[in-house]
Amino acid sequence: MAQEHTEQPGAGDGPARSSLIPGVKYALAVSSGKGGVGKSTVAVNLAVALRQSGAAVGLLDADIYGPNIPMMMGVTKPPEQRDGKIIPAENHGVKLISMGFFVPEETAVVWRGPMVHTAIQQFFRDVLWGDLDYLLIDLPPGTGDAQLTLTQLVPLRGAITVTTPQNVALYDVRKGIMMFQKVNVPLLGLIENMSHFVCGHCGEKTEIFSYGGGERAAQAMGIPFLGRIPIDPAIRTGGDSGLPIVVGHPDSPQSQAFLDIARKIREEVEEAKPTTAPPLESLLKKIKAPFGKG
């Protein structure tokens, strides 16, 4: 298993040039402390939203055990190979790679840590990403081998954390935030997904998972709050059909939320320095108590 470390040279200091991804300007991690918060859905729509803003974008599915990015991006044809290298698949203007292209759909990936490390390394070393402004890396939930491998392999410009508003999700988000703090990865901010539901018939707003927990958590941890994404059946339909909502319904409030968050991310990355997490001891004191009742 990869060993934990506390320093990552160059993290947040500039473009993510490295021997593994020399053409990538900025590498960004999309993470969550727990599953079920819609992290991959957010990663897909943010990637397409960044592409629509004029950036060259790649999307790396680092969720080795549950690779669903190909389905959500509407890609069924596996990547091609050239001179021993892999050409990323592409759809909606975004280049992508995923373990889902290389294992049968019904086959479970049952690997120990070293095999996960090797697979993620190959996604950098053996894939011809070309010149990209952004490479979004969709991490699996938690703080395990994939996360540590990533921080050891490439210099990350920053991490984006996805949560839902209720305290049970925010409890696990704290662990993810502290993990990035330990490995010296700047925090671009926190996104509150499934923030609320607006009835399509009467317009009534229902806060299914409480409301405002993400913003309170961001304030408590001293990191930017990037925005709220409403829950809507069209987002789920887009993921199932391979047509992300920012493509299928670009004028919807949900799409506008993704586009606004993508704009904030570009501003954080290109115009300002991402927020570095406060010292671990200070962070533990701030988040020892719940973020507030919802």
C-alpha atoms as a PDB file:
ATOM      1  CA  MET A   1       0.000   0.000   0.000  1.00  0.00           C
ATOM      2  CA  ALA A   2       1.198   3.504  -0.746  1.00  0.00           C
ATOM      3  CA  GLN A   3       2.637   5.251   2.271  1.00  0.00           C
ATOM      4  CA  GLU A   4       1.132   8.474   3.523  1.00  0.00           C
ATOM      5  CA  HIS A   5       3.223  11.599   3.148  1.00  0.00           C
ATOM      6  CA  THR A   6       2.824  15.185   4.204  1.00  0.00           C
ATOM      7  CA  GLU A   7       4.450  17.151   1.426  1.00  0.00           C
ATOM      8  CA  GLN A   8       3.615  17.541  -2.218  1.00  0.00           C
ATOM      9  CA  PRO A   9       6.112  19.783  -4.007  1.00  0.00           C
ATOM     10  CA  GLY A  10       4.470  22.366  -6.168  1.00  0.00           C
ATOM     11  CA  ALA A  11       0.888  21.729  -5.052  1.00  0.00           C
ATOM     12  CA  GLY A  12      -1.137  24.836  -5.767  1.00  0.00           C
ATOM     13  CA  ASP A  13       1.863  26.829  -6.915  1.00  0.00           C
ATOM     14  CA  GLY A  14       1.134  26.810 -10.627  1.00  0.00           C
ATOM     15  CA  PRO A  15       0.413  24.642 -13.663  1.00  0.00           C
ATOM     16  CA  ALA A  16       0.503  20.914 -13.008  1.00  0.00           C
ATOM     17  CA  ARG A  17       3.362  20.108 -15.374  1.00  0.00           C
ATOM     18  CA  SER A  18       4.845  16.705 -14.598  1.00  0.00           C
ATOM     19  CA  SER A  19       6.606  13.910 -16.427  1.00  0.00           C
ATOM     20  CA  LEU A  20       3.398  11.874 -16.351  1.00  0.00           C
ATOM     21  CA  ILE A  21       1.035  14.544 -17.735  1.00  0.00           C
ATOM     22  CA  PRO A  22       3.305  17.133 -19.387  1.00  0.00           C
ATOM     23  CA  GLY A  23       0.545  18.734 -21.444  1.00  0.00           C
ATOM     24  CA  VAL A  24      -1.894  19.266 -18.554  1.00  0.00           C
ATOM     25  CA  LYS A  25      -1.973  22.766 -17.140  1.00  0.00           C
ATOM     26  CA  TYR A  26      -4.131  22.152 -14.059  1.00  0.00           C
ATOM     27  CA  ALA A  27      -5.044  18.842 -12.403  1.00  0.00           C
ATOM     28  CA  LEU A  28      -8.072  19.040 -10.099  1.00  0.00           C
ATOM     29  CA  ALA A  29      -9.420  16.312  -7.811  1.00  0.00           C
ATOM     30  CA  VAL A  30     -13.184  15.889  -7.291  1.00  0.00           C
ATOM     31  CA  SER A  31     -13.777  14.083  -4.020  1.00  0.00           C
ATOM     32  CA  SER A  32     -16.312  13.166  -1.375  1.00  0.00           C
ATOM     33  CA  GLY A  33     -16.069  11.716   2.093  1.00  0.00           C
ATOM     34  CA  LYS A  34     -18.809   9.175   1.411  1.00  0.00           C
ATOM     35  CA  GLY A  35     -20.672   7.597  -1.464  1.00  0.00           C
ATOM     36  CA  GLY A  36     -24.140   8.543  -2.611  1.00  0.00           C
ATOM     37  CA  VAL A  37     -23.649  12.313  -2.741  1.00  0.00           C
ATOM     38  CA  GLY A  38     -23.544  12.560  -6.542  1.00  0.00           C
ATOM     39  CA  LYS A  39     -19.811  13.190  -6.854  1.00  0.00           C
ATOM     40  CA  SER A  40     -19.453  11.575 -10.291  1.00  0.00           C
ATOM     41  CA  THR A  41     -22.509  13.424 -11.588  1.00  0.00           C
ATOM     42  CA  VAL A  42     -20.947  16.677 -10.413  1.00  0.00           C
ATOM     43  CA  ALA A  43     -17.579  15.775 -11.968  1.00  0.00           C
ATOM     44  CA  VAL A  44     -19.167  14.982 -15.340  1.00  0.00           C
ATOM     45  CA  ASN A  45     -21.228  18.150 -15.512  1.00  0.00           C
ATOM     46  CA  LEU A  46     -18.364  20.334 -14.295  1.00  0.00           C
ATOM     47  CA  ALA A  47     -16.080  18.855 -16.948  1.00  0.00           C
ATOM     48  CA  VAL A  48     -18.581  19.637 -19.701  1.00  0.00           C
ATOM     49  CA  ALA A  49     -19.314  23.077 -18.224  1.00  0.00           C
ATOM     50  CA  LEU A  50     -15.589  23.904 -18.226  1.00  0.00           C
ATOM     51  CA  ARG A  51     -15.393  22.739 -21.841  1.00  0.00           C
ATOM     52  CA  GLN A  52     -18.325  24.973 -22.747  1.00  0.00           C
ATOM     53  CA  SER A  53     -16.439  27.891 -21.203  1.00  0.00           C
ATOM     54  CA  GLY A  54     -13.725  27.394 -23.814  1.00  0.00           C
ATOM     55  CA  ALA A  55     -11.220  25.289 -21.871  1.00  0.00           C
ATOM     56  CA  ALA A  56      -9.621  22.062 -23.106  1.00  0.00           C
ATOM     57  CA  VAL A  57     -10.759  19.439 -20.602  1.00  0.00           C
ATOM     58  CA  GLY A  58     -10.048  15.820 -19.696  1.00  0.00           C
ATOM     59  CA  LEU A  59     -11.860  13.605 -17.198  1.00  0.00           C
ATOM     60  CA  LEU A  60     -10.076  10.726 -15.458  1.00  0.00           C
ATOM     61  CA  ASP A  61     -12.298   8.186 -13.693  1.00  0.00           C
ATOM     62  CA  ALA A  62     -10.125   7.084 -10.764  1.00  0.00           C
ATOM     63  CA  ASP A  63     -12.966   5.148  -9.121  1.00  0.00           C
ATOM     64  CA  ILE A  64     -11.434   1.770  -9.950  1.00  0.00           C
ATOM     65  CA  TYR A  65     -14.106  -0.253  -8.145  1.00  0.00           C
ATOM     66  CA  GLY A  66     -17.152   1.606  -9.475  1.00  0.00           C
ATOM     67  CA  PRO A  67     -16.249   3.155 -12.850  1.00  0.00           C
ATOM     68  CA  ASN A  68     -19.427   4.726 -14.251  1.00  0.00           C
ATOM     69  CA  ILE A  69     -18.074   7.771 -16.077  1.00  0.00           C
ATOM     70  CA  PRO A  70     -18.308   6.094 -19.541  1.00  0.00           C
ATOM     71  CA  MET A  71     -22.057   5.564 -19.101  1.00  0.00           C
ATOM     72  CA  MET A  72     -22.612   9.062 -17.764  1.00  0.00           C
ATOM     73  CA  MET A  73     -20.657  10.566 -20.670  1.00  0.00           C
ATOM     74  CA  GLY A  74     -22.418   8.412 -23.273  1.00  0.00           C
ATOM     75  CA  VAL A  75     -19.304   6.544 -24.473  1.00  0.00           C
ATOM     76  CA  THR A  76     -19.452   2.833 -25.296  1.00  0.00           C
ATOM     77  CA  LYS A  77     -16.557   2.451 -27.740  1.00  0.00           C
ATOM     78  CA  PRO A  78     -13.305   1.647 -25.915  1.00  0.00           C
ATOM     79  CA  PRO A  79     -10.271   3.888 -26.416  1.00  0.00           C
ATOM     80  CA  GLU A  80      -7.882   3.112 -29.257  1.00  0.00           C
ATOM     81  CA  GLN A  81      -4.173   2.409 -28.936  1.00  0.00           C
ATOM     82  CA  ARG A  82      -1.286   3.964 -30.800  1.00  0.00           C
ATOM     83  CA  ASP A  83       2.337   2.864 -30.470  1.00  0.00           C
ATOM     84  CA  GLY A  84       1.651   1.268 -27.111  1.00  0.00           C
ATOM     85  CA  LYS A  85      -0.198   4.309 -25.769  1.00  0.00           C
ATOM     86  CA  ILE A  86      -3.917   4.803 -25.127  1.00  0.00           C
ATOM     87  CA  ILE A  87      -5.910   7.471 -26.975  1.00  0.00           C
ATOM     88  CA  PRO A  88      -8.606   8.818 -24.611  1.00  0.00           C
ATOM     89  CA  ALA A  89     -12.225   8.411 -25.594  1.00  0.00           C
ATOM     90  CA  GLU A  90     -14.066  11.671 -26.213  1.00  0.00           C
ATOM     91  CA  ASN A  91     -17.618  12.976 -26.069  1.00  0.00           C
ATOM     92  CA  HIS A  92     -19.229  16.365 -25.484  1.00  0.00           C
ATOM     93  CA  GLY A  93     -15.786  17.827 -26.191  1.00  0.00           C
ATOM     94  CA  VAL A  94     -14.210  16.154 -23.143  1.00  0.00           C
ATOM     95  CA  LYS A  95     -11.462  13.524 -23.264  1.00  0.00           C
ATOM     96  CA  LEU A  96     -11.953  10.674 -20.810  1.00  0.00           C
ATOM     97  CA  ILE A  97     -10.456   7.461 -19.542  1.00  0.00           C
ATOM     98  CA  SER A  98     -11.899   4.899 -17.118  1.00  0.00           C
ATOM     99  CA  MET A  99     -11.393   1.357 -15.884  1.00  0.00           C
ATOM    100  CA  GLY A 100     -14.924   0.841 -17.187  1.00  0.00           C
ATOM    101  CA  PHE A 101     -13.477   0.628 -20.698  1.00  0.00           C
ATOM    102  CA  PHE A 102     -11.197  -2.279 -19.808  1.00  0.00           C
ATOM    103  CA  VAL A 103     -13.302  -4.677 -17.732  1.00  0.00           C
ATOM    104  CA  PRO A 104     -16.645  -6.304 -18.646  1.00  0.00           C
ATOM    105  CA  GLU A 105     -19.644  -4.465 -17.226  1.00  0.00           C
ATOM    106  CA  GLU A 106     -20.677  -7.400 -15.013  1.00  0.00           C
ATOM    107  CA  THR A 107     -17.148  -8.047 -13.672  1.00  0.00           C
ATOM    108  CA  ALA A 108     -16.170  -6.810 -10.223  1.00  0.00           C
ATOM    109  CA  VAL A 109     -12.703  -5.346  -9.764  1.00  0.00           C
ATOM    110  CA  VAL A 110     -11.286  -7.063  -6.671  1.00  0.00           C
ATOM    111  CA  TRP A 111      -7.848  -5.531  -6.174  1.00  0.00           C
ATOM    112  CA  ARG A 112      -5.544  -4.701  -3.316  1.00  0.00           C
ATOM    113  CA  GLY A 113      -3.854  -1.337  -2.903  1.00  0.00           C
ATOM    114  CA  PRO A 114      -0.743  -1.926  -5.049  1.00  0.00           C
ATOM    115  CA  MET A 115      -2.869  -2.896  -8.053  1.00  0.00           C
ATOM    116  CA  VAL A 116      -4.969   0.250  -7.663  1.00  0.00           C
ATOM    117  CA  HIS A 117      -1.751   2.288  -7.522  1.00  0.00           C
ATOM    118  CA  THR A 118      -0.504   0.683 -10.740  1.00  0.00           C
ATOM    119  CA  ALA A 119      -3.785   1.239 -12.585  1.00  0.00           C
ATOM    120  CA  ILE A 120      -3.959   4.932 -11.704  1.00  0.00           C
ATOM    121  CA  GLN A 121      -0.299   5.386 -12.630  1.00  0.00           C
ATOM    122  CA  GLN A 122      -1.012   3.876 -16.055  1.00  0.00           C
ATOM    123  CA  PHE A 123      -3.906   6.268 -16.571  1.00  0.00           C
ATOM    124  CA  PHE A 124      -1.333   9.056 -16.392  1.00  0.00           C
ATOM    125  CA  ARG A 125       1.733   7.426 -17.900  1.00  0.00           C
ATOM    126  CA  ASP A 126       0.183   5.440 -20.764  1.00  0.00           C
ATOM    127  CA  VAL A 127      -2.615   7.797 -21.867  1.00  0.00           C
ATOM    128  CA  LEU A 128      -1.957  10.466 -24.494  1.00  0.00           C
ATOM    129  CA  TRP A 129      -3.892  13.299 -22.882  1.00  0.00           C
ATOM    130  CA  GLY A 130      -2.340  15.952 -25.115  1.00  0.00           C
ATOM    131  CA  ASP A 131      -2.607  19.620 -24.175  1.00  0.00           C
ATOM    132  CA  LEU A 132      -5.336  20.270 -21.607  1.00  0.00           C
ATOM    133  CA  ASP A 133      -6.237  23.276 -19.524  1.00  0.00           C
ATOM    134  CA  TYR A 134      -7.937  21.068 -16.926  1.00  0.00           C
ATOM    135  CA  LEU A 135      -7.807  17.405 -16.040  1.00  0.00           C
ATOM    136  CA  LEU A 136     -10.599  16.590 -13.590  1.00  0.00           C
ATOM    137  CA  ILE A 137      -9.957  13.440 -11.579  1.00  0.00           C
ATOM    138  CA  ASP A 138     -13.074  11.749 -10.205  1.00  0.00           C
ATOM    139  CA  LEU A 139     -11.912  10.022  -7.027  1.00  0.00           C
ATOM    140  CA  PRO A 140     -13.671   7.158  -5.264  1.00  0.00           C
ATOM    141  CA  PRO A 141     -15.334   7.992  -1.935  1.00  0.00           C
ATOM    142  CA  GLY A 142     -13.232   8.012   1.192  1.00  0.00           C
ATOM    143  CA  THR A 143      -9.548   8.510   1.948  1.00  0.00           C
ATOM    144  CA  GLY A 144      -7.861   5.331   0.741  1.00  0.00           C
ATOM    145  CA  ASP A 145      -5.289   4.066  -1.726  1.00  0.00           C
ATOM    146  CA  ALA A 146      -6.544   5.953  -4.776  1.00  0.00           C
ATOM    147  CA  GLN A 147      -6.397   9.309  -2.998  1.00  0.00           C
ATOM    148  CA  LEU A 148      -2.885   8.761  -1.648  1.00  0.00           C
ATOM    149  CA  THR A 149      -1.652   7.418  -4.981  1.00  0.00           C
ATOM    150  CA  LEU A 150      -2.955  10.475  -6.794  1.00  0.00           C
ATOM    151  CA  THR A 151      -1.278  12.960  -4.478  1.00  0.00           C
ATOM    152  CA  GLN A 152       2.009  11.113  -4.856  1.00  0.00           C
ATOM    153  CA  LEU A 153       1.938  10.908  -8.653  1.00  0.00           C
ATOM    154  CA  VAL A 154       0.961  14.371  -9.881  1.00  0.00           C
ATOM    155  CA  PRO A 155       0.933  17.927  -8.511  1.00  0.00           C
ATOM    156  CA  LEU A 156      -2.706  18.855  -7.887  1.00  0.00           C
ATOM    157  CA  ARG A 157      -3.737  22.469  -8.307  1.00  0.00           C
ATOM    158  CA  GLY A 158      -6.544  21.830  -5.857  1.00  0.00           C
ATOM    159  CA  ALA A 159      -9.386  19.647  -4.638  1.00  0.00           C
ATOM    160  CA  ILE A 160     -13.148  20.109  -4.932  1.00  0.00           C
ATOM    161  CA  THR A 161     -15.297  18.402  -2.305  1.00  0.00           C
ATOM    162  CA  VAL A 162     -18.908  17.364  -2.890  1.00  0.00           C
ATOM    163  CA  THR A 163     -21.426  16.840  -0.087  1.00  0.00           C
ATOM    164  CA  THR A 164     -25.141  16.803   0.573  1.00  0.00           C
ATOM    165  CA  PRO A 165     -26.618  19.143   3.208  1.00  0.00           C
ATOM    166  CA  GLN A 166     -27.338  16.730   6.064  1.00  0.00           C
ATOM    167  CA  ASN A 167     -24.983  16.264   8.989  1.00  0.00           C
ATOM    168  CA  VAL A 168     -24.409  12.549   8.356  1.00  0.00           C
ATOM    169  CA  ALA A 169     -22.749  13.431   5.024  1.00  0.00           C
ATOM    170  CA  LEU A 170     -20.893  16.410   6.443  1.00  0.00           C
ATOM    171  CA  TYR A 171     -19.412  14.209   9.165  1.00  0.00           C
ATOM    172  CA  ASP A 172     -17.553  12.206   6.503  1.00  0.00           C
ATOM    173  CA  VAL A 173     -16.641  15.295   4.488  1.00  0.00           C
ATOM    174  CA  ARG A 174     -14.529  16.443   7.416  1.00  0.00           C
ATOM    175  CA  LYS A 175     -12.314  13.389   7.038  1.00  0.00           C
ATOM    176  CA  GLY A 176     -11.764  14.051   3.356  1.00  0.00           C
ATOM    177  CA  ILE A 177     -10.889  17.675   4.008  1.00  0.00           C
ATOM    178  CA  MET A 178      -8.371  16.653   6.648  1.00  0.00           C
ATOM    179  CA  MET A 179      -6.843  14.112   4.271  1.00  0.00           C
ATOM    180  CA  PHE A 180      -6.124  16.816   1.691  1.00  0.00           C
ATOM    181  CA  GLN A 181      -4.742  19.021   4.448  1.00  0.00           C
ATOM    182  CA  LYS A 182      -2.336  16.263   5.475  1.00  0.00           C
ATOM    183  CA  VAL A 183      -0.967  15.850   1.959  1.00  0.00           C
ATOM    184  CA  ASN A 184      -0.748  19.610   1.380  1.00  0.00           C
ATOM    185  CA  VAL A 185      -3.341  19.854  -1.409  1.00  0.00           C
ATOM    186  CA  PRO A 186      -5.102  23.258  -1.609  1.00  0.00           C
ATOM    187  CA  LEU A 187      -8.873  23.288  -1.291  1.00  0.00           C
ATOM    188  CA  LEU A 188     -10.739  24.964  -4.141  1.00  0.00           C
ATOM    189  CA  GLY A 189     -14.003  24.712  -2.265  1.00  0.00           C
ATOM    190  CA  LEU A 190     -17.077  22.740  -1.320  1.00  0.00           C
ATOM    191  CA  ILE A 191     -20.202  22.039  -3.397  1.00  0.00           C
ATOM    192  CA  GLU A 192     -23.563  21.265  -1.814  1.00  0.00           C
ATOM    193  CA  ASN A 193     -25.310  18.773  -4.104  1.00  0.00           C
ATOM    194  CA  MET A 194     -28.994  17.757  -3.865  1.00  0.00           C
ATOM    195  CA  SER A 195     -29.534  21.024  -2.046  1.00  0.00           C
ATOM    196  CA  HIS A 196     -33.311  21.168  -2.536  1.00  0.00           C
ATOM    197  CA  PHE A 197     -36.108  20.064  -4.853  1.00  0.00           C
ATOM    198  CA  VAL A 198     -38.496  22.373  -6.674  1.00  0.00           C
ATOM    199  CA  CYS A 199     -41.824  20.819  -7.665  1.00  0.00           C
ATOM    200  CA  GLY A 200     -42.380  21.057 -11.408  1.00  0.00           C
ATOM    201  CA  HIS A 201     -46.144  21.470 -10.921  1.00  0.00           C
ATOM    202  CA  CYS A 202     -46.577  23.885  -8.035  1.00  0.00           C
ATOM    203  CA  GLY A 203     -43.096  25.347  -7.682  1.00  0.00           C
ATOM    204  CA  GLU A 204     -42.895  24.491  -3.996  1.00  0.00           C
ATOM    205  CA  LYS A 205     -39.360  24.116  -2.683  1.00  0.00           C
ATOM    206  CA  THR A 206     -38.647  21.044  -0.543  1.00  0.00           C
ATOM    207  CA  GLU A 207     -35.393  20.649   1.389  1.00  0.00           C
ATOM    208  CA  ILE A 208     -35.177  16.850   1.225  1.00  0.00           C
ATOM    209  CA  PHE A 209     -31.776  16.555   2.878  1.00  0.00           C
ATOM    210  CA  SER A 210     -32.019  19.655   5.056  1.00  0.00           C
ATOM    211  CA  TYR A 211     -30.480  22.876   3.749  1.00  0.00           C
ATOM    212  CA  GLY A 212     -27.392  24.987   4.121  1.00  0.00           C
ATOM    213  CA  GLY A 213     -25.156  22.369   5.723  1.00  0.00           C
ATOM    214  CA  GLY A 214     -22.569  22.633   2.968  1.00  0.00           C
ATOM    215  CA  GLU A 215     -22.214  26.378   3.364  1.00  0.00           C
ATOM    216  CA  ARG A 216     -21.962  26.081   7.148  1.00  0.00           C
ATOM    217  CA  ALA A 217     -19.293  23.414   6.767  1.00  0.00           C
ATOM    218  CA  ALA A 218     -17.285  25.549   4.360  1.00  0.00           C
ATOM    219  CA  GLN A 219     -17.452  28.494   6.733  1.00  0.00           C
ATOM    220  CA  ALA A 220     -16.392  26.345   9.688  1.00  0.00           C
ATOM    221  CA  MET A 221     -13.407  24.963   7.785  1.00  0.00           C
ATOM    222  CA  GLY A 222     -12.391  28.274   6.234  1.00  0.00           C
ATOM    223  CA  ILE A 223     -12.715  27.151   2.612  1.00  0.00           C
ATOM    224  CA  PRO A 224     -14.730  28.636  -0.279  1.00  0.00           C
ATOM    225  CA  PHE A 225     -18.355  27.610  -0.731  1.00  0.00           C
ATOM    226  CA  LEU A 226     -18.785  27.101  -4.474  1.00  0.00           C
ATOM    227  CA  GLY A 227     -22.550  26.770  -4.642  1.00  0.00           C
ATOM    228  CA  ARG A 228     -25.687  24.657  -4.403  1.00  0.00           C
ATOM    229  CA  ILE A 229     -27.018  22.224  -6.997  1.00  0.00           C
ATOM    230  CA  PRO A 230     -30.744  21.410  -6.770  1.00  0.00           C
ATOM    231  CA  ILE A 231     -31.887  17.809  -7.023  1.00  0.00           C
ATOM    232  CA  ASP A 232     -33.892  17.145 -10.168  1.00  0.00           C
ATOM    233  CA  PRO A 233     -34.936  14.030 -12.145  1.00  0.00           C
ATOM    234  CA  ALA A 234     -33.398  15.549 -15.290  1.00  0.00           C
ATOM    235  CA  ILE A 235     -29.918  15.297 -13.740  1.00  0.00           C
ATOM    236  CA  ARG A 236     -30.403  11.586 -13.085  1.00  0.00           C
ATOM    237  CA  THR A 237     -31.889  11.047 -16.552  1.00  0.00           C
ATOM    238  CA  GLY A 238     -28.912  12.780 -18.122  1.00  0.00           C
ATOM    239  CA  GLY A 239     -26.489  10.543 -16.261  1.00  0.00           C
ATOM    240  CA  ASP A 240     -28.324   7.375 -17.253  1.00  0.00           C
ATOM    241  CA  SER A 241     -28.579   8.386 -20.905  1.00  0.00           C
ATOM    242  CA  GLY A 242     -25.063   9.761 -21.327  1.00  0.00           C
ATOM    243  CA  LEU A 243     -26.349  13.287 -21.962  1.00  0.00           C
ATOM    244  CA  PRO A 244     -25.278  15.477 -19.019  1.00  0.00           C
ATOM    245  CA  ILE A 245     -27.866  18.066 -18.071  1.00  0.00           C
ATOM    246  CA  VAL A 246     -25.585  20.949 -19.066  1.00  0.00           C
ATOM    247  CA  VAL A 247     -25.826  19.541 -22.608  1.00  0.00           C
ATOM    248  CA  GLY A 248     -29.413  18.257 -22.622  1.00  0.00           C
ATOM    249  CA  HIS A 249     -31.015  21.196 -20.765  1.00  0.00           C
ATOM    250  CA  PRO A 250     -28.477  24.026 -20.889  1.00  0.00           C
ATOM    251  CA  ASP A 251     -30.935  26.725 -19.817  1.00  0.00           C
ATOM    252  CA  SER A 252     -32.284  24.901 -16.754  1.00  0.00           C
ATOM    253  CA  PRO A 253     -31.580  26.218 -13.235  1.00  0.00           C
ATOM    254  CA  GLN A 254     -29.574  23.060 -12.555  1.00  0.00           C
ATOM    255  CA  SER A 255     -27.329  23.640 -15.576  1.00  0.00           C
ATOM    256  CA  GLN A 256     -26.889  27.272 -14.627  1.00  0.00           C
ATOM    257  CA  ALA A 257     -25.744  26.148 -11.173  1.00  0.00           C
ATOM    258  CA  PHE A 258     -23.076  23.897 -12.733  1.00  0.00           C
ATOM    259  CA  LEU A 259     -21.965  26.647 -15.098  1.00  0.00           C
ATOM    260  CA  ASP A 260     -21.715  29.159 -12.259  1.00  0.00           C
ATOM    261  CA  ILE A 261     -19.624  26.752 -10.174  1.00  0.00           C
ATOM    262  CA  ALA A 262     -17.362  26.060 -13.178  1.00  0.00           C
ATOM    263  CA  ARG A 263     -16.837  29.812 -13.544  1.00  0.00           C
ATOM    264  CA  LYS A 264     -15.908  30.112  -9.857  1.00  0.00           C
ATOM    265  CA  ILE A 265     -13.460  27.239 -10.181  1.00  0.00           C
ATOM    266  CA  ARG A 266     -11.742  28.894 -13.129  1.00  0.00           C
ATOM    267  CA  GLU A 267     -11.478  32.116 -11.148  1.00  0.00           C
ATOM    268  CA  GLU A 268     -10.037  30.283  -8.136  1.00  0.00           C
ATOM    269  CA  VAL A 269      -7.506  28.445 -10.257  1.00  0.00           C
ATOM    270  CA  GLU A 270      -6.472  31.093 -12.760  1.00  0.00           C
ATOM    271  CA  GLU A 271      -7.006  34.417 -11.023  1.00  0.00           C
ATOM    272  CA  ALA A 272      -6.456  33.688  -7.354  1.00  0.00           C
ATOM    273  CA  LYS A 273      -4.554  31.292  -5.168  1.00  0.00           C
ATOM    274  CA  PRO A 274      -6.644  28.342  -3.907  1.00  0.00           C
ATOM    275  CA  THR A 275      -7.285  28.316  -0.185  1.00  0.00           C
ATOM    276  CA  THR A 276      -4.884  26.162   1.784  1.00  0.00           C
ATOM    277  CA  ALA A 277      -6.535  24.230   4.573  1.00  0.00           C
ATOM    278  CA  PRO A 278      -5.823  25.630   8.033  1.00  0.00           C
ATOM    279  CA  PRO A 279      -3.389  23.723  10.280  1.00  0.00           C
ATOM    280  CA  LEU A 280      -4.753  20.336  11.276  1.00  0.00           C
ATOM    281  CA  GLU A 281      -4.935  21.172  14.979  1.00  0.00           C
ATOM    282  CA  SER A 282      -6.942  24.322  14.256  1.00  0.00           C
ATOM    283  CA  LEU A 283      -9.212  22.440  11.884  1.00  0.00           C
ATOM    284  CA  LEU A 284      -9.942  19.736  14.457  1.00  0.00           C
ATOM    285  CA  LYS A 285     -10.981  22.349  17.005  1.00  0.00           C
ATOM    286  CA  LYS A 286     -13.320  24.041  14.541  1.00  0.00           C
ATOM    287  CA  ILE A 287     -15.090  20.921  13.369  1.00  0.00           C
ATOM    288  CA  LYS A 288     -15.235  18.909  16.566  1.00  0.00           C
ATOM    289  CA  ALA A 289     -18.824  20.015  17.095  1.00  0.00           C
ATOM    290  CA  PRO A 290     -21.565  19.524  14.474  1.00  0.00           C
ATOM    291  CA  PHE A 291     -21.887  22.181  11.800  1.00  0.00           C
ATOM    292  CA  GLY A 292     -25.340  23.106  12.989  1.00  0.00           C
ATOM    293  CA  LYS A 293     -28.698  21.461  13.004  1.00  0.00           C
ATOM    294  CA  GLY A 294     -30.499  21.102   9.699  1.00  0.00           C
END
